[in-house]
Amino acid sequence: MQTNNAIKEYVGIQKESMSGRELEASVLTKAGLMLKAVQDNWDAPDREAKMLEAIKYNQKVWSFFQAELSEPGHPMPKKLREDLLNLSLFVDKRFFEVMAFPSAEKLGIVVDINFNIAAGLRTNPDPEL
């Protein structure tokens, strides 16, 4: 039990010391890993529960991004915000497809999107830093 508390404390400290971009990348990576675990263990007896858990987590992440990107004063260039908002709509639609007609293959594109955006967030936006 002490190990779990130590891990939770470490994660809490790690989150406090992360930049916004690092935190977003970390959350997207976790979201992608959850989906990837479902995809890789498609025949598991608890697949449906794990899939719903992963989809719910991903939907929360993408809903947060939608809310942030929709803010009129958001500093990101308008075109990039619009592209990411359109991507978030695609992700939402894909999750509804997966819930209606489950398929491991349908999760792959969202896993790739999450990992690619996370990788982009981890790159240094200012090469002089």
N, C-alpha and C. Protein backbone atom coordinates (compact mmCIF):
# COMPACT_ATOMS: atom_id res chain seq x y z
N MET A 1 0.83 -1.19 0.00
CA MET A 1 0.00 0.00 0.00
C MET A 1 0.87 1.26 0.00
N GLN A 2 2.02 1.21 0.71
CA GLN A 2 2.90 2.37 0.73
C GLN A 2 3.46 2.65 -0.65
N THR A 3 3.71 1.60 -1.42
CA THR A 3 4.23 1.78 -2.77
C THR A 3 3.24 2.57 -3.62
N ASN A 4 1.95 2.25 -3.53
CA ASN A 4 0.93 2.98 -4.29
C ASN A 4 0.90 4.45 -3.90
N ASN A 5 1.01 4.74 -2.61
CA ASN A 5 1.02 6.14 -2.15
C ASN A 5 2.25 6.87 -2.68
N ALA A 6 3.39 6.19 -2.66
CA ALA A 6 4.62 6.80 -3.15
C ALA A 6 4.51 7.10 -4.65
N ILE A 7 3.90 6.18 -5.39
CA ILE A 7 3.72 6.37 -6.83
C ILE A 7 2.79 7.55 -7.08
N LYS A 8 1.68 7.60 -6.36
CA LYS A 8 0.74 8.72 -6.52
C LYS A 8 1.40 10.05 -6.20
N GLU A 9 2.22 10.07 -5.14
CA GLU A 9 2.92 11.30 -4.76
C GLU A 9 3.91 11.71 -5.85
N TYR A 10 4.65 10.74 -6.37
CA TYR A 10 5.61 11.02 -7.44
C TYR A 10 4.91 11.58 -8.67
N VAL A 11 3.80 10.95 -9.07
CA VAL A 11 3.05 11.40 -10.23
C VAL A 11 2.54 12.82 -10.00
N GLY A 12 2.06 13.11 -8.79
CA GLY A 12 1.58 14.45 -8.47
C GLY A 12 2.68 15.48 -8.60
N ILE A 13 3.86 15.17 -8.08
CA ILE A 13 5.00 16.09 -8.18
C ILE A 13 5.42 16.25 -9.64
N GLN A 14 5.42 15.15 -10.38
CA GLN A 14 5.79 15.20 -11.79
C GLN A 14 4.84 16.12 -12.55
N LYS A 15 3.54 16.02 -12.29
CA LYS A 15 2.56 16.86 -12.97
C LYS A 15 2.78 18.32 -12.64
N GLU A 16 3.12 18.61 -11.37
CA GLU A 16 3.34 20.00 -10.97
C GLU A 16 4.54 20.60 -11.67
N SER A 17 5.55 19.78 -11.99
CA SER A 17 6.77 20.30 -12.59
C SER A 17 6.73 20.29 -14.12
N MET A 18 5.69 19.73 -14.71
CA MET A 18 5.60 19.67 -16.17
C MET A 18 5.08 20.98 -16.73
N SER A 19 5.54 21.32 -17.93
CA SER A 19 4.96 22.46 -18.65
C SER A 19 3.62 22.02 -19.21
N GLY A 20 2.85 22.98 -19.69
CA GLY A 20 1.56 22.66 -20.29
C GLY A 20 1.70 21.69 -21.45
N ARG A 21 2.69 21.93 -22.29
CA ARG A 21 2.91 21.05 -23.45
C ARG A 21 3.30 19.65 -23.01
N GLU A 22 4.17 19.55 -22.01
CA GLU A 22 4.59 18.23 -21.53
C GLU A 22 3.42 17.48 -20.92
N LEU A 23 2.58 18.19 -20.18
CA LEU A 23 1.42 17.56 -19.57
C LEU A 23 0.44 17.09 -20.64
N GLU A 24 0.20 17.93 -21.64
CA GLU A 24 -0.69 17.53 -22.74
C GLU A 24 -0.14 16.31 -23.46
N ALA A 25 1.18 16.30 -23.71
CA ALA A 25 1.80 15.16 -24.37
C ALA A 25 1.66 13.90 -23.52
N SER A 26 1.85 14.04 -22.22
CA SER A 26 1.73 12.90 -21.32
C SER A 26 0.31 12.34 -21.31
N VAL A 27 -0.68 13.22 -21.28
CA VAL A 27 -2.07 12.79 -21.25
C VAL A 27 -2.44 12.11 -22.57
N LEU A 28 -2.00 12.67 -23.69
CA LEU A 28 -2.28 12.05 -24.99
C LEU A 28 -1.59 10.70 -25.12
N THR A 29 -0.39 10.60 -24.59
CA THR A 29 0.33 9.32 -24.62
C THR A 29 -0.42 8.28 -23.81
N LYS A 30 -0.86 8.66 -22.60
CA LYS A 30 -1.64 7.74 -21.77
C LYS A 30 -2.91 7.31 -22.51
N ALA A 31 -3.59 8.26 -23.14
CA ALA A 31 -4.82 7.96 -23.87
C ALA A 31 -4.54 6.98 -25.01
N GLY A 32 -3.45 7.21 -25.73
CA GLY A 32 -3.07 6.32 -26.82
C GLY A 32 -2.70 4.93 -26.32
N LEU A 33 -1.98 4.88 -25.20
CA LEU A 33 -1.58 3.58 -24.63
C LEU A 33 -2.78 2.78 -24.16
N MET A 34 -3.77 3.46 -23.61
CA MET A 34 -4.99 2.76 -23.17
C MET A 34 -5.70 2.13 -24.36
N LEU A 35 -5.81 2.88 -25.46
CA LEU A 35 -6.45 2.34 -26.66
C LEU A 35 -5.62 1.21 -27.26
N LYS A 36 -4.30 1.40 -27.28
CA LYS A 36 -3.40 0.39 -27.84
C LYS A 36 -3.49 -0.91 -27.05
N ALA A 37 -3.62 -0.82 -25.72
CA ALA A 37 -3.76 -2.02 -24.89
C ALA A 37 -5.04 -2.77 -25.24
N VAL A 38 -6.11 -2.05 -25.49
CA VAL A 38 -7.37 -2.68 -25.90
C VAL A 38 -7.18 -3.35 -27.25
N GLN A 39 -6.57 -2.62 -28.17
CA GLN A 39 -6.35 -3.15 -29.52
C GLN A 39 -5.49 -4.42 -29.48
N ASP A 40 -4.44 -4.39 -28.68
CA ASP A 40 -3.52 -5.53 -28.60
C ASP A 40 -4.11 -6.72 -27.87
N ASN A 41 -5.13 -6.49 -27.05
CA ASN A 41 -5.75 -7.56 -26.25
C ASN A 41 -7.23 -7.69 -26.61
N TRP A 42 -7.51 -7.61 -27.89
CA TRP A 42 -8.89 -7.57 -28.37
C TRP A 42 -9.72 -8.77 -27.91
N ASP A 43 -9.10 -9.92 -27.78
CA ASP A 43 -9.84 -11.13 -27.41
C ASP A 43 -9.93 -11.35 -25.90
N ALA A 44 -9.46 -10.39 -25.12
CA ALA A 44 -9.52 -10.51 -23.66
C ALA A 44 -10.97 -10.51 -23.18
N PRO A 45 -11.26 -11.24 -22.13
CA PRO A 45 -12.63 -11.30 -21.64
C PRO A 45 -13.16 -9.96 -21.11
N ASP A 46 -12.26 -9.09 -20.67
CA ASP A 46 -12.68 -7.78 -20.15
C ASP A 46 -12.52 -6.67 -21.18
N ARG A 47 -12.44 -7.05 -22.46
CA ARG A 47 -12.21 -6.07 -23.52
C ARG A 47 -13.24 -4.96 -23.53
N GLU A 48 -14.50 -5.28 -23.41
CA GLU A 48 -15.54 -4.26 -23.50
C GLU A 48 -15.38 -3.22 -22.39
N ALA A 49 -15.13 -3.67 -21.18
CA ALA A 49 -14.95 -2.73 -20.06
C ALA A 49 -13.71 -1.88 -20.28
N LYS A 50 -12.62 -2.50 -20.70
CA LYS A 50 -11.37 -1.76 -20.95
C LYS A 50 -11.54 -0.79 -22.10
N MET A 51 -12.27 -1.20 -23.14
CA MET A 51 -12.50 -0.33 -24.28
C MET A 51 -13.31 0.90 -23.86
N LEU A 52 -14.36 0.67 -23.10
CA LEU A 52 -15.18 1.80 -22.65
C LEU A 52 -14.39 2.74 -21.75
N GLU A 53 -13.54 2.18 -20.90
CA GLU A 53 -12.69 3.00 -20.03
C GLU A 53 -11.72 3.85 -20.87
N ALA A 54 -11.11 3.21 -21.86
CA ALA A 54 -10.16 3.92 -22.73
C ALA A 54 -10.87 5.00 -23.56
N ILE A 55 -12.03 4.68 -24.07
CA ILE A 55 -12.78 5.65 -24.88
C ILE A 55 -13.23 6.82 -24.01
N LYS A 56 -13.72 6.54 -22.81
CA LYS A 56 -14.14 7.62 -21.91
C LYS A 56 -12.97 8.55 -21.59
N TYR A 57 -11.82 7.97 -21.31
CA TYR A 57 -10.63 8.78 -21.00
C TYR A 57 -10.26 9.63 -22.22
N ASN A 58 -10.23 9.02 -23.38
CA ASN A 58 -9.89 9.74 -24.61
C ASN A 58 -10.90 10.85 -24.89
N GLN A 59 -12.17 10.58 -24.68
CA GLN A 59 -13.19 11.60 -24.91
C GLN A 59 -13.00 12.79 -23.97
N LYS A 60 -12.63 12.53 -22.73
CA LYS A 60 -12.36 13.62 -21.79
C LYS A 60 -11.18 14.46 -22.27
N VAL A 61 -10.13 13.79 -22.71
CA VAL A 61 -8.94 14.49 -23.20
C VAL A 61 -9.30 15.37 -24.39
N TRP A 62 -9.99 14.78 -25.36
CA TRP A 62 -10.33 15.53 -26.57
C TRP A 62 -11.37 16.61 -26.30
N SER A 63 -12.26 16.39 -25.35
CA SER A 63 -13.23 17.43 -24.98
C SER A 63 -12.52 18.62 -24.36
N PHE A 64 -11.51 18.34 -23.56
CA PHE A 64 -10.72 19.43 -22.98
C PHE A 64 -10.04 20.23 -24.09
N PHE A 65 -9.44 19.54 -25.05
CA PHE A 65 -8.79 20.23 -26.17
C PHE A 65 -9.80 21.06 -26.96
N GLN A 66 -10.98 20.49 -27.18
CA GLN A 66 -12.02 21.23 -27.91
C GLN A 66 -12.38 22.52 -27.18
N ALA A 67 -12.55 22.42 -25.87
CA ALA A 67 -12.90 23.61 -25.09
C ALA A 67 -11.78 24.64 -25.14
N GLU A 68 -10.55 24.20 -24.97
CA GLU A 68 -9.41 25.12 -25.00
C GLU A 68 -9.23 25.78 -26.37
N LEU A 69 -9.33 24.97 -27.40
CA LEU A 69 -9.11 25.49 -28.76
C LEU A 69 -10.25 26.39 -29.22
N SER A 70 -11.41 26.28 -28.60
CA SER A 70 -12.56 27.10 -28.97
C SER A 70 -12.54 28.48 -28.32
N GLU A 71 -11.64 28.66 -27.37
CA GLU A 71 -11.54 29.96 -26.70
C GLU A 71 -11.09 31.02 -27.70
N PRO A 72 -11.82 32.15 -27.77
CA PRO A 72 -11.47 33.20 -28.74
C PRO A 72 -10.05 33.75 -28.56
N GLY A 73 -9.54 33.81 -27.34
CA GLY A 73 -8.22 34.37 -27.12
C GLY A 73 -7.09 33.36 -27.14
N HIS A 74 -7.37 32.15 -27.60
CA HIS A 74 -6.33 31.12 -27.63
C HIS A 74 -5.18 31.59 -28.51
N PRO A 75 -3.93 31.45 -28.03
CA PRO A 75 -2.77 31.99 -28.77
C PRO A 75 -2.37 31.20 -30.02
N MET A 76 -2.89 30.01 -30.21
CA MET A 76 -2.52 29.19 -31.36
C MET A 76 -3.06 29.84 -32.65
N PRO A 77 -2.31 29.75 -33.73
CA PRO A 77 -2.81 30.29 -35.01
C PRO A 77 -4.17 29.70 -35.36
N LYS A 78 -5.03 30.54 -35.92
CA LYS A 78 -6.42 30.16 -36.19
C LYS A 78 -6.51 28.90 -37.06
N LYS A 79 -5.73 28.82 -38.11
CA LYS A 79 -5.79 27.67 -39.03
C LYS A 79 -5.44 26.37 -38.30
N LEU A 80 -4.42 26.41 -37.47
CA LEU A 80 -4.02 25.22 -36.72
C LEU A 80 -5.10 24.82 -35.73
N ARG A 81 -5.70 25.81 -35.06
CA ARG A 81 -6.82 25.51 -34.14
C ARG A 81 -7.97 24.85 -34.89
N GLU A 82 -8.31 25.40 -36.06
CA GLU A 82 -9.40 24.83 -36.86
C GLU A 82 -9.08 23.40 -37.27
N ASP A 83 -7.85 23.16 -37.68
CA ASP A 83 -7.44 21.80 -38.08
C ASP A 83 -7.55 20.83 -36.91
N LEU A 84 -7.10 21.26 -35.74
CA LEU A 84 -7.17 20.39 -34.56
C LEU A 84 -8.61 20.17 -34.13
N LEU A 85 -9.45 21.19 -34.24
CA LEU A 85 -10.87 21.02 -33.92
C LEU A 85 -11.53 20.04 -34.89
N ASN A 86 -11.19 20.13 -36.16
CA ASN A 86 -11.72 19.18 -37.14
C ASN A 86 -11.23 17.76 -36.84
N LEU A 87 -9.98 17.65 -36.43
CA LEU A 87 -9.43 16.36 -36.05
C LEU A 87 -10.17 15.80 -34.83
N SER A 88 -10.50 16.67 -33.89
CA SER A 88 -11.23 16.22 -32.71
C SER A 88 -12.63 15.71 -33.08
N LEU A 89 -13.24 16.31 -34.07
CA LEU A 89 -14.54 15.83 -34.54
C LEU A 89 -14.41 14.45 -35.17
N PHE A 90 -13.33 14.25 -35.92
CA PHE A 90 -13.06 12.94 -36.50
C PHE A 90 -12.89 11.90 -35.39
N VAL A 91 -12.13 12.25 -34.35
CA VAL A 91 -11.89 11.33 -33.24
C VAL A 91 -13.21 10.98 -32.56
N ASP A 92 -14.05 11.99 -32.31
CA ASP A 92 -15.37 11.73 -31.70
C ASP A 92 -16.17 10.75 -32.55
N LYS A 93 -16.21 11.01 -33.85
CA LYS A 93 -16.97 10.16 -34.76
C LYS A 93 -16.43 8.73 -34.75
N ARG A 94 -15.11 8.60 -34.72
CA ARG A 94 -14.49 7.27 -34.71
C ARG A 94 -14.88 6.50 -33.44
N PHE A 95 -14.93 7.19 -32.30
CA PHE A 95 -15.31 6.51 -31.06
C PHE A 95 -16.75 6.02 -31.12
N PHE A 96 -17.64 6.81 -31.71
CA PHE A 96 -19.02 6.36 -31.85
C PHE A 96 -19.10 5.14 -32.77
N GLU A 97 -18.28 5.13 -33.83
CA GLU A 97 -18.23 3.98 -34.73
C GLU A 97 -17.74 2.74 -33.99
N VAL A 98 -16.71 2.91 -33.17
CA VAL A 98 -16.14 1.78 -32.44
C VAL A 98 -17.15 1.25 -31.43
N MET A 99 -17.86 2.14 -30.77
CA MET A 99 -18.85 1.68 -29.80
C MET A 99 -20.02 0.96 -30.48
N ALA A 100 -20.43 1.45 -31.65
CA ALA A 100 -21.54 0.83 -32.37
C ALA A 100 -21.13 -0.48 -33.04
N PHE A 101 -19.95 -0.48 -33.64
CA PHE A 101 -19.45 -1.65 -34.36
C PHE A 101 -17.99 -1.88 -33.97
N PRO A 102 -17.76 -2.50 -32.81
CA PRO A 102 -16.40 -2.68 -32.30
C PRO A 102 -15.47 -3.39 -33.28
N SER A 103 -14.27 -2.83 -33.39
CA SER A 103 -13.24 -3.40 -34.24
C SER A 103 -11.89 -2.86 -33.78
N ALA A 104 -10.94 -3.76 -33.59
CA ALA A 104 -9.60 -3.36 -33.16
C ALA A 104 -8.95 -2.42 -34.17
N GLU A 105 -9.19 -2.67 -35.45
CA GLU A 105 -8.56 -1.87 -36.49
C GLU A 105 -8.99 -0.40 -36.43
N LYS A 106 -10.24 -0.17 -36.03
CA LYS A 106 -10.76 1.20 -35.97
C LYS A 106 -10.06 2.04 -34.91
N LEU A 107 -9.45 1.39 -33.92
CA LEU A 107 -8.76 2.13 -32.87
C LEU A 107 -7.39 2.64 -33.33
N GLY A 108 -6.82 1.99 -34.33
CA GLY A 108 -5.47 2.30 -34.77
C GLY A 108 -5.25 3.75 -35.15
N ILE A 109 -6.18 4.33 -35.87
CA ILE A 109 -6.00 5.71 -36.32
C ILE A 109 -5.97 6.69 -35.15
N VAL A 110 -6.80 6.44 -34.14
CA VAL A 110 -6.82 7.34 -32.97
C VAL A 110 -5.54 7.16 -32.15
N VAL A 111 -5.06 5.93 -32.05
CA VAL A 111 -3.78 5.68 -31.37
C VAL A 111 -2.69 6.48 -32.08
N ASP A 112 -2.64 6.39 -33.39
CA ASP A 112 -1.63 7.12 -34.17
C ASP A 112 -1.76 8.63 -33.99
N ILE A 113 -2.98 9.13 -34.03
CA ILE A 113 -3.22 10.57 -33.85
C ILE A 113 -2.71 11.01 -32.48
N ASN A 114 -3.09 10.29 -31.44
CA ASN A 114 -2.65 10.65 -30.09
C ASN A 114 -1.13 10.65 -29.98
N PHE A 115 -0.48 9.59 -30.47
CA PHE A 115 0.97 9.49 -30.36
C PHE A 115 1.67 10.56 -31.19
N ASN A 116 1.16 10.85 -32.38
CA ASN A 116 1.80 11.86 -33.23
C ASN A 116 1.66 13.26 -32.66
N ILE A 117 0.51 13.59 -32.13
CA ILE A 117 0.34 14.91 -31.53
C ILE A 117 1.20 15.02 -30.27
N ALA A 118 1.25 13.95 -29.48
CA ALA A 118 2.11 13.95 -28.29
C ALA A 118 3.57 14.16 -28.67
N ALA A 119 4.01 13.50 -29.73
CA ALA A 119 5.40 13.68 -30.19
C ALA A 119 5.64 15.11 -30.62
N GLY A 120 4.68 15.71 -31.31
CA GLY A 120 4.81 17.10 -31.73
C GLY A 120 4.87 18.04 -30.54
N LEU A 121 4.11 17.76 -29.51
CA LEU A 121 4.12 18.60 -28.32
C LEU A 121 5.44 18.50 -27.57
N ARG A 122 6.11 17.37 -27.72
CA ARG A 122 7.39 17.19 -27.03
C ARG A 122 8.56 17.87 -27.77
N THR A 123 8.34 18.30 -28.97
CA THR A 123 9.41 19.01 -29.69
C THR A 123 9.49 20.44 -29.18
N ASN A 124 10.64 21.01 -29.25
CA ASN A 124 10.86 22.36 -28.76
C ASN A 124 10.29 23.35 -29.78
N PRO A 125 9.28 24.14 -29.39
CA PRO A 125 8.67 25.07 -30.35
C PRO A 125 9.58 26.24 -30.72
N ASP A 126 10.56 26.52 -29.87
CA ASP A 126 11.48 27.62 -30.13
C ASP A 126 12.88 27.07 -30.23
N PRO A 127 13.43 26.95 -31.44
CA PRO A 127 14.75 26.33 -31.60
C PRO A 127 15.88 27.07 -30.88
N GLU A 128 15.66 28.30 -30.46
CA GLU A 128 16.70 29.05 -29.76
C GLU A 128 16.76 28.70 -28.28
N LEU A 129 15.77 27.97 -27.78
CA LEU A 129 15.77 27.61 -26.35
C LEU A 129 16.60 26.39 -26.08
